[in-house]
């Protein structure tokens, strides 16, 4: 097995994930993932696909991610890792789908409309 690549997206974040045989090292934008994601919940999101498929510490992950905030980036990486694991072994798909890791979350920020303060909030209205 050489390098398997997959794409993950969430909100404005795009993550290009490269999976290869290794010892479980995760690198995000050239930095250690614990340095890039200092919050424990975000770190556990990256490990979730590996835990569900019993592949903890079997693959090295290299990620290039840009756009959005850290939460959207973590979700994008998780989707990319899940898709890469399914490319390796199709039998992982039902377990990952049951946890909702194979679904691309379509929710995006609603655009701001003209004549309004934000997407839905209006300017204050005065009748008199």
N, C-alpha and C. Protein backbone atom coordinates (compact mmCIF):
# COMPACT_ATOMS: atom_id res chain seq x y z
N UNK A 1 0.84 -1.19 0.00
CA UNK A 1 0.00 0.00 0.00
C UNK A 1 0.88 1.25 0.00
N UNK A 2 0.62 2.13 -0.94
CA UNK A 2 1.34 3.40 -0.93
C UNK A 2 0.47 4.44 -0.24
N UNK A 3 0.47 5.65 -0.71
CA UNK A 3 -0.29 6.73 -0.07
C UNK A 3 -1.70 6.78 -0.63
N UNK A 4 -2.69 6.80 0.28
CA UNK A 4 -4.10 6.95 -0.10
C UNK A 4 -4.49 8.39 0.22
N UNK A 5 -5.11 9.08 -0.73
CA UNK A 5 -5.53 10.45 -0.45
C UNK A 5 -7.04 10.58 -0.56
N UNK A 6 -7.59 11.50 0.23
CA UNK A 6 -9.03 11.76 0.24
C UNK A 6 -9.25 13.22 0.60
N UNK A 7 -10.45 13.68 0.30
CA UNK A 7 -10.81 15.08 0.54
C UNK A 7 -11.95 15.14 1.55
N UNK A 8 -11.86 16.07 2.48
CA UNK A 8 -12.94 16.30 3.44
C UNK A 8 -13.27 17.77 3.48
N UNK A 9 -14.57 18.07 3.58
CA UNK A 9 -15.00 19.48 3.65
C UNK A 9 -16.00 19.67 4.77
N UNK A 10 -16.00 20.88 5.35
CA UNK A 10 -16.99 21.24 6.36
C UNK A 10 -17.01 22.75 6.43
N UNK A 11 -18.19 23.35 6.25
CA UNK A 11 -18.34 24.81 6.20
C UNK A 11 -17.39 25.37 5.16
N UNK A 12 -16.44 26.22 5.57
CA UNK A 12 -15.51 26.81 4.59
C UNK A 12 -14.16 26.09 4.58
N UNK A 13 -14.04 24.99 5.33
CA UNK A 13 -12.77 24.27 5.45
C UNK A 13 -12.64 23.17 4.42
N UNK A 14 -11.45 23.04 3.87
CA UNK A 14 -11.14 21.95 2.94
C UNK A 14 -9.88 21.26 3.44
N UNK A 15 -9.97 19.94 3.63
CA UNK A 15 -8.84 19.17 4.13
C UNK A 15 -8.44 18.11 3.11
N UNK A 16 -7.16 18.13 2.72
CA UNK A 16 -6.61 17.07 1.87
C UNK A 16 -5.84 16.12 2.77
N UNK A 17 -6.30 14.87 2.83
CA UNK A 17 -5.77 13.89 3.77
C UNK A 17 -4.97 12.83 3.01
N UNK A 18 -3.75 12.54 3.49
CA UNK A 18 -2.90 11.52 2.90
C UNK A 18 -2.60 10.46 3.96
N UNK A 19 -3.04 9.21 3.70
CA UNK A 19 -2.90 8.11 4.65
C UNK A 19 -1.84 7.14 4.15
N UNK A 20 -0.93 6.74 5.03
CA UNK A 20 0.09 5.75 4.68
C UNK A 20 0.36 4.86 5.88
N UNK A 21 0.88 3.67 5.64
CA UNK A 21 1.22 2.75 6.74
C UNK A 21 2.22 3.43 7.66
N UNK A 22 2.03 3.24 8.98
CA UNK A 22 2.94 3.87 9.92
C UNK A 22 2.61 3.54 11.35
N UNK A 23 2.93 4.49 12.23
CA UNK A 23 2.77 4.26 13.66
C UNK A 23 1.75 5.19 14.32
N UNK A 24 0.89 5.81 13.53
CA UNK A 24 -0.16 6.64 14.10
C UNK A 24 0.19 8.11 14.24
N UNK A 25 1.18 8.58 13.51
CA UNK A 25 1.59 9.99 13.58
C UNK A 25 0.63 10.83 12.73
N UNK A 26 0.12 11.91 13.31
CA UNK A 26 -0.80 12.80 12.58
C UNK A 26 -0.14 14.17 12.47
N UNK A 27 0.04 14.65 11.23
CA UNK A 27 0.64 15.95 10.97
C UNK A 27 -0.37 16.82 10.24
N UNK A 28 -0.60 18.02 10.77
CA UNK A 28 -1.56 18.96 10.17
C UNK A 28 -0.80 20.22 9.77
N UNK A 29 -0.79 20.52 8.49
CA UNK A 29 -0.09 21.69 7.95
C UNK A 29 1.36 21.76 8.43
N UNK A 30 2.04 20.62 8.45
CA UNK A 30 3.44 20.56 8.83
C UNK A 30 3.70 20.63 10.32
N UNK A 31 2.64 20.62 11.15
CA UNK A 31 2.79 20.67 12.60
C UNK A 31 2.15 19.45 13.24
N UNK A 32 2.58 19.12 14.43
CA UNK A 32 1.98 18.03 15.20
C UNK A 32 0.51 18.38 15.49
N UNK A 33 -0.38 17.39 15.41
CA UNK A 33 -1.82 17.69 15.55
C UNK A 33 -2.16 18.22 16.94
N UNK A 34 -1.41 17.82 17.97
CA UNK A 34 -1.70 18.31 19.33
C UNK A 34 -1.33 19.78 19.47
N UNK A 35 -0.37 20.22 18.67
CA UNK A 35 0.01 21.63 18.65
C UNK A 35 -1.01 22.44 17.85
N UNK A 36 -1.49 21.86 16.73
CA UNK A 36 -2.44 22.57 15.85
C UNK A 36 -3.83 22.64 16.49
N UNK A 37 -4.26 21.53 17.13
CA UNK A 37 -5.55 21.48 17.83
C UNK A 37 -5.29 21.28 19.32
N UNK A 38 -5.15 22.36 20.10
CA UNK A 38 -4.82 22.22 21.52
C UNK A 38 -6.00 21.70 22.37
N UNK A 39 -7.21 21.72 21.84
CA UNK A 39 -8.39 21.30 22.60
C UNK A 39 -8.57 19.79 22.47
N UNK A 40 -8.79 19.11 23.59
CA UNK A 40 -8.86 17.65 23.62
C UNK A 40 -10.02 17.10 22.79
N UNK A 41 -11.15 17.80 22.75
CA UNK A 41 -12.31 17.33 21.97
C UNK A 41 -11.98 17.28 20.49
N UNK A 42 -11.28 18.28 20.00
CA UNK A 42 -10.89 18.32 18.59
C UNK A 42 -9.88 17.21 18.28
N UNK A 43 -8.98 16.93 19.22
CA UNK A 43 -8.01 15.86 19.03
C UNK A 43 -8.72 14.51 18.96
N UNK A 44 -9.75 14.32 19.80
CA UNK A 44 -10.48 13.05 19.80
C UNK A 44 -11.28 12.88 18.51
N UNK A 45 -11.71 13.99 17.90
CA UNK A 45 -12.42 13.91 16.61
C UNK A 45 -11.53 13.29 15.54
N UNK A 46 -10.23 13.61 15.56
CA UNK A 46 -9.30 13.07 14.57
C UNK A 46 -9.08 11.57 14.76
N UNK A 47 -9.16 11.10 16.00
CA UNK A 47 -8.93 9.68 16.28
C UNK A 47 -10.19 8.83 16.11
N UNK A 48 -11.35 9.46 16.08
CA UNK A 48 -12.63 8.72 16.06
C UNK A 48 -12.73 7.69 14.93
N UNK A 49 -12.40 8.02 13.67
CA UNK A 49 -12.50 7.00 12.63
C UNK A 49 -11.58 5.80 12.87
N UNK A 50 -10.40 6.04 13.42
CA UNK A 50 -9.45 4.96 13.69
C UNK A 50 -9.95 4.06 14.82
N UNK A 51 -10.54 4.66 15.85
CA UNK A 51 -11.06 3.89 16.99
C UNK A 51 -12.22 3.00 16.54
N UNK A 52 -13.12 3.55 15.72
CA UNK A 52 -14.28 2.78 15.26
C UNK A 52 -13.90 1.60 14.37
N UNK A 53 -12.79 1.73 13.64
CA UNK A 53 -12.37 0.66 12.71
C UNK A 53 -11.21 -0.17 13.25
N UNK A 54 -10.86 0.03 14.53
CA UNK A 54 -9.74 -0.70 15.18
C UNK A 54 -8.42 -0.54 14.41
N UNK A 55 -8.13 0.67 13.99
CA UNK A 55 -6.89 0.95 13.26
C UNK A 55 -6.01 1.95 14.00
N UNK A 56 -6.18 2.06 15.32
CA UNK A 56 -5.38 3.01 16.09
C UNK A 56 -3.90 2.68 15.96
N UNK A 57 -3.08 3.66 15.65
CA UNK A 57 -1.62 3.54 15.52
C UNK A 57 -1.17 2.60 14.40
N UNK A 58 -1.97 2.49 13.34
CA UNK A 58 -1.57 1.67 12.18
C UNK A 58 -1.22 2.52 10.96
N UNK A 59 -1.73 3.76 10.93
CA UNK A 59 -1.54 4.62 9.76
C UNK A 59 -0.99 5.97 10.18
N UNK A 60 -0.09 6.50 9.35
CA UNK A 60 0.37 7.88 9.51
C UNK A 60 -0.52 8.76 8.65
N UNK A 61 -0.88 9.94 9.17
CA UNK A 61 -1.77 10.85 8.47
C UNK A 61 -1.06 12.18 8.26
N UNK A 62 -1.06 12.65 7.02
CA UNK A 62 -0.56 13.99 6.70
C UNK A 62 -1.73 14.78 6.13
N UNK A 63 -1.96 15.97 6.66
CA UNK A 63 -3.13 16.75 6.26
C UNK A 63 -2.72 18.16 5.85
N UNK A 64 -3.29 18.62 4.74
CA UNK A 64 -3.22 20.04 4.37
C UNK A 64 -4.64 20.57 4.50
N UNK A 65 -4.84 21.53 5.38
CA UNK A 65 -6.19 22.06 5.61
C UNK A 65 -6.15 23.58 5.57
N UNK A 66 -7.17 24.17 4.97
CA UNK A 66 -7.27 25.64 4.96
C UNK A 66 -8.72 26.07 4.96
N UNK A 67 -8.96 27.30 5.37
CA UNK A 67 -10.30 27.87 5.39
C UNK A 67 -11.04 27.55 6.67
N UNK A 68 -11.95 28.42 7.06
CA UNK A 68 -12.80 28.19 8.21
C UNK A 68 -12.07 28.30 9.54
N UNK A 69 -12.74 27.83 10.60
CA UNK A 69 -12.16 27.85 11.94
C UNK A 69 -11.65 26.48 12.33
N UNK A 70 -11.16 26.36 13.57
CA UNK A 70 -10.55 25.09 13.96
C UNK A 70 -11.57 23.96 14.08
N UNK A 71 -12.80 24.27 14.47
CA UNK A 71 -13.82 23.22 14.61
C UNK A 71 -14.20 22.67 13.24
N UNK A 72 -14.43 23.55 12.28
CA UNK A 72 -14.74 23.11 10.92
C UNK A 72 -13.59 22.35 10.30
N UNK A 73 -12.36 22.78 10.59
CA UNK A 73 -11.19 22.09 10.06
C UNK A 73 -11.07 20.68 10.65
N UNK A 74 -11.33 20.54 11.94
CA UNK A 74 -11.27 19.21 12.58
C UNK A 74 -12.31 18.28 11.97
N UNK A 75 -13.52 18.79 11.72
CA UNK A 75 -14.57 17.98 11.11
C UNK A 75 -14.22 17.61 9.67
N UNK A 76 -13.59 18.53 8.95
CA UNK A 76 -13.17 18.25 7.58
C UNK A 76 -12.11 17.16 7.55
N UNK A 77 -11.17 17.22 8.48
CA UNK A 77 -10.12 16.20 8.56
C UNK A 77 -10.73 14.85 8.90
N UNK A 78 -11.68 14.83 9.83
CA UNK A 78 -12.34 13.58 10.22
C UNK A 78 -13.04 12.93 9.04
N UNK A 79 -13.72 13.73 8.22
CA UNK A 79 -14.39 13.19 7.03
C UNK A 79 -13.37 12.66 6.04
N UNK A 80 -12.26 13.39 5.86
CA UNK A 80 -11.21 12.95 4.94
C UNK A 80 -10.58 11.63 5.39
N UNK A 81 -10.33 11.49 6.69
CA UNK A 81 -9.75 10.24 7.22
C UNK A 81 -10.73 9.09 7.02
N UNK A 82 -12.01 9.34 7.27
CA UNK A 82 -13.03 8.30 7.09
C UNK A 82 -13.09 7.84 5.64
N UNK A 83 -13.07 8.78 4.72
CA UNK A 83 -13.12 8.43 3.29
C UNK A 83 -11.88 7.65 2.86
N UNK A 84 -10.72 8.02 3.41
CA UNK A 84 -9.48 7.32 3.08
C UNK A 84 -9.51 5.88 3.61
N UNK A 85 -10.04 5.70 4.82
CA UNK A 85 -10.14 4.35 5.39
C UNK A 85 -11.06 3.46 4.57
N UNK A 86 -12.15 4.03 4.05
CA UNK A 86 -13.07 3.26 3.21
C UNK A 86 -12.41 2.88 1.89
N UNK A 87 -11.52 3.76 1.37
CA UNK A 87 -10.77 3.41 0.16
C UNK A 87 -9.85 2.20 0.42
N UNK A 88 -9.31 2.12 1.63
CA UNK A 88 -8.43 1.01 1.99
C UNK A 88 -9.23 -0.29 2.13
N UNK A 89 -10.35 -0.21 2.87
CA UNK A 89 -11.17 -1.40 3.12
C UNK A 89 -12.64 -1.00 3.12
N UNK A 90 -13.40 -1.50 2.16
CA UNK A 90 -14.81 -1.15 1.99
C UNK A 90 -15.67 -1.63 3.18
N UNK A 91 -15.17 -2.60 3.95
CA UNK A 91 -15.95 -3.15 5.07
C UNK A 91 -16.07 -2.18 6.24
N UNK A 92 -15.26 -1.11 6.26
CA UNK A 92 -15.34 -0.11 7.33
C UNK A 92 -16.54 0.82 7.17
N UNK A 93 -17.10 0.87 5.97
CA UNK A 93 -18.13 1.87 5.66
C UNK A 93 -19.36 1.79 6.57
N UNK A 94 -19.96 0.59 6.82
CA UNK A 94 -21.16 0.56 7.67
C UNK A 94 -20.91 1.09 9.08
N UNK A 95 -19.78 0.76 9.68
CA UNK A 95 -19.47 1.24 11.03
C UNK A 95 -19.30 2.75 11.06
N UNK A 96 -18.62 3.29 10.04
CA UNK A 96 -18.41 4.74 9.98
C UNK A 96 -19.71 5.47 9.66
N UNK A 97 -20.53 4.89 8.80
CA UNK A 97 -21.81 5.52 8.44
C UNK A 97 -22.75 5.56 9.65
N UNK A 98 -22.73 4.50 10.46
CA UNK A 98 -23.59 4.44 11.65
C UNK A 98 -23.29 5.57 12.63
N UNK A 99 -22.03 6.00 12.69
CA UNK A 99 -21.64 7.12 13.54
C UNK A 99 -21.77 8.47 12.84
N UNK A 100 -22.17 8.47 11.57
CA UNK A 100 -22.35 9.71 10.82
C UNK A 100 -21.07 10.32 10.29
N UNK A 101 -20.02 9.50 10.16
CA UNK A 101 -18.73 10.04 9.73
C UNK A 101 -18.55 10.04 8.22
N UNK A 102 -19.46 9.41 7.48
CA UNK A 102 -19.33 9.36 6.02
C UNK A 102 -20.18 10.43 5.34
N UNK A 103 -20.94 11.19 6.12
CA UNK A 103 -21.85 12.18 5.57
C UNK A 103 -21.21 13.56 5.58
N UNK A 104 -21.22 14.22 4.43
CA UNK A 104 -20.70 15.58 4.33
C UNK A 104 -21.78 16.52 4.85
N UNK A 105 -21.49 17.26 5.90
CA UNK A 105 -22.46 18.17 6.50
C UNK A 105 -22.69 19.36 5.56
N UNK A 106 -23.90 19.51 5.01
CA UNK A 106 -24.13 20.53 3.99
C UNK A 106 -24.37 21.94 4.53
N UNK A 107 -24.47 22.08 5.85
CA UNK A 107 -24.81 23.39 6.41
C UNK A 107 -23.70 24.41 6.18
N UNK A 108 -24.08 25.54 5.60
CA UNK A 108 -23.13 26.60 5.33
C UNK A 108 -23.69 27.90 5.91
N UNK A 109 -22.83 28.91 6.01
CA UNK A 109 -23.26 30.21 6.50
C UNK A 109 -24.18 30.84 5.47
N UNK A 110 -25.33 31.35 5.94
CA UNK A 110 -26.28 32.00 5.03
C UNK A 110 -25.74 33.37 4.65
N UNK A 111 -25.94 33.74 3.40
CA UNK A 111 -25.37 35.01 2.95
C UNK A 111 -26.14 36.21 3.50
N UNK A 112 -25.43 37.33 3.61
CA UNK A 112 -26.04 38.57 4.06
C UNK A 112 -26.84 39.16 2.91
N UNK A 113 -28.07 39.61 3.22
CA UNK A 113 -28.91 40.20 2.19
C UNK A 113 -28.82 41.72 2.24
N UNK A 114 -28.97 42.38 1.08
CA UNK A 114 -28.93 43.84 1.06
C UNK A 114 -30.13 44.44 1.80
N UNK A 115 -29.92 45.57 2.45
CA UNK A 115 -31.00 46.23 3.18
C UNK A 115 -31.25 45.61 4.54
N UNK A 116 -30.36 44.70 4.95
CA UNK A 116 -30.48 44.08 6.27
C UNK A 116 -29.13 44.15 6.97
N UNK A 117 -29.20 44.01 8.29
CA UNK A 117 -27.98 44.10 9.09
C UNK A 117 -27.11 42.85 8.92
N UNK A 118 -27.76 41.66 8.97
CA UNK A 118 -27.07 40.38 8.77
C UNK A 118 -27.95 39.53 7.84
N UNK A 119 -27.78 38.24 7.87
CA UNK A 119 -28.54 37.37 6.97
C UNK A 119 -30.05 37.47 7.24
N UNK A 120 -30.42 37.45 8.52
CA UNK A 120 -31.84 37.50 8.85
C UNK A 120 -32.22 38.72 9.68
N UNK A 121 -31.26 39.26 10.43
CA UNK A 121 -31.55 40.41 11.29
C UNK A 121 -31.77 41.65 10.43
N UNK A 122 -32.84 42.38 10.75
CA UNK A 122 -33.13 43.61 10.01
C UNK A 122 -32.64 44.82 10.79
N UNK A 123 -32.59 45.97 10.10
CA UNK A 123 -32.33 47.22 10.80
C UNK A 123 -33.55 47.56 11.62
N UNK A 124 -33.36 48.35 12.68
CA UNK A 124 -34.48 48.66 13.57
C UNK A 124 -35.55 49.44 12.78
N UNK A 125 -36.81 49.03 12.99
CA UNK A 125 -37.93 49.63 12.26
C UNK A 125 -38.68 50.57 13.21
N UNK A 126 -38.90 51.79 12.72
CA UNK A 126 -39.66 52.76 13.50
C UNK A 126 -40.90 53.17 12.72
N UNK A 127 -42.05 52.94 13.31
CA UNK A 127 -43.29 53.25 12.61
C UNK A 127 -43.52 54.76 12.55
N UNK A 128 -43.16 55.46 13.61
CA UNK A 128 -43.37 56.91 13.67
C UNK A 128 -42.08 57.65 13.95
